[in-house]
Amino acid sequence: MTSLTVHFQKPADWAEVPYVHYWRPGQPSFGSDWPGVPMTPEGGGWFVHRFDVPAVHLVFNDGEGRQTSDLWRDREGWYGADGLWSDSL
């Protein structure tokens, strides 16, 4: 099965553990309820989540009102506190 890994750098003013809310259009059985699932810390202010799908729509949020815009990813990526995706750290 194809998998997808996303990394997120939590902004300093966000709650301690960020969440990732995700969905795939046309697949109502796949997705999370708001605010999503807690992400796993990986050090240096970065958090990670792995999906068992090749692409996903997602929103990073802190469960307390702060969130990114709607995002989409089809390959491993790092979403920095600056609001930009990178293909490597």
Protein backbone atom coordinates (compact mmCIF):
# COMPACT_ATOMS: atom_id res chain seq x y z
CA MET A 1 0.00 0.00 0.00
CA THR A 2 1.19 3.49 -0.82
CA SER A 3 1.79 5.71 2.17
CA LEU A 4 2.18 9.43 2.67
CA THR A 5 4.04 11.19 5.49
CA VAL A 6 3.51 14.84 6.42
CA HIS A 7 5.59 16.85 8.87
CA PHE A 8 4.39 20.04 10.54
CA GLN A 9 6.37 22.71 12.37
CA LYS A 10 4.09 24.08 15.07
CA PRO A 11 4.04 27.88 15.38
CA ALA A 12 5.14 29.08 18.82
CA ASP A 13 1.74 30.54 19.75
CA TRP A 14 -0.20 27.32 19.04
CA ALA A 15 -1.37 24.83 21.68
CA GLU A 16 1.17 22.21 22.77
CA VAL A 17 0.10 19.38 20.42
CA PRO A 18 -1.21 20.14 16.91
CA TYR A 19 -3.88 18.10 15.13
CA VAL A 20 -4.26 17.10 11.52
CA HIS A 21 -7.78 16.99 10.08
CA TYR A 22 -7.94 15.10 6.78
CA TRP A 23 -10.29 13.92 4.03
CA ARG A 24 -10.42 12.62 0.48
CA PRO A 25 -13.20 13.91 -1.79
CA GLY A 26 -15.40 11.10 -3.06
CA GLN A 27 -14.36 8.80 -0.21
CA PRO A 28 -16.73 9.54 2.69
CA SER A 29 -15.44 6.54 4.66
CA PHE A 30 -11.95 8.11 4.81
CA GLY A 31 -11.32 11.13 6.96
CA SER A 32 -11.29 12.52 10.46
CA ASP A 33 -13.80 14.32 12.60
CA TRP A 34 -12.82 17.85 13.61
CA PRO A 35 -10.29 18.73 14.98
CA GLY A 36 -8.58 15.62 13.60
CA VAL A 37 -5.98 13.39 15.21
CA PRO A 38 -3.11 14.51 17.44
CA MET A 39 0.21 14.55 15.63
CA THR A 40 3.29 12.72 16.94
CA PRO A 41 6.24 14.83 18.14
CA GLU A 42 9.48 14.16 16.27
CA GLY A 43 11.77 16.75 17.85
CA GLY A 44 12.92 20.27 17.10
CA GLY A 45 9.36 21.63 17.09
CA TRP A 46 8.29 19.23 14.32
CA PHE A 47 5.36 16.81 14.38
CA VAL A 48 4.54 13.94 12.02
CA HIS A 49 1.56 11.94 10.75
CA ARG A 50 1.50 9.01 8.33
CA PHE A 51 -1.40 8.13 6.03
CA ASP A 52 -2.03 4.87 4.15
CA VAL A 53 -3.11 6.74 1.02
CA PRO A 54 -1.14 8.33 -1.83
CA ALA A 55 -2.71 11.82 -1.49
CA VAL A 56 -4.84 13.69 1.02
CA HIS A 57 -6.56 17.01 1.76
CA LEU A 58 -5.69 18.31 5.21
CA VAL A 59 -5.76 21.16 7.71
CA PHE A 60 -3.27 21.51 10.54
CA ASN A 61 -4.82 23.07 13.65
CA ASP A 62 -4.32 23.40 17.39
CA GLY A 63 -7.86 22.54 18.49
CA GLU A 64 -8.18 26.04 19.96
CA GLY A 65 -9.02 28.12 16.89
CA ARG A 66 -5.71 28.45 15.07
CA GLN A 67 -5.36 26.58 11.78
CA THR A 68 -3.82 26.53 8.34
CA SER A 69 -5.84 26.95 5.17
CA ASP A 70 -7.07 23.83 3.38
CA LEU A 71 -4.01 22.01 2.04
CA TRP A 72 -3.36 19.08 -0.28
CA ARG A 73 -0.34 16.78 -0.47
CA ASP A 74 0.61 13.85 -2.72
CA ARG A 75 4.19 13.22 -1.53
CA GLU A 76 6.16 13.44 1.68
CA GLY A 77 6.50 17.02 2.81
CA TRP A 78 7.41 19.44 5.58
CA TYR A 79 5.00 22.30 6.26
CA GLY A 80 6.94 24.99 8.09
CA ALA A 81 5.75 27.60 10.57
CA ASP A 82 6.26 30.06 7.67
CA GLY A 83 3.26 28.47 5.90
CA LEU A 84 5.25 26.89 3.06
CA TRP A 85 5.70 23.26 1.94
CA SER A 86 9.15 21.79 1.38
CA ASP A 87 10.06 18.42 -0.10
CA SER A 88 12.93 18.05 2.40
CA LEU A 89 13.95 19.38 5.77
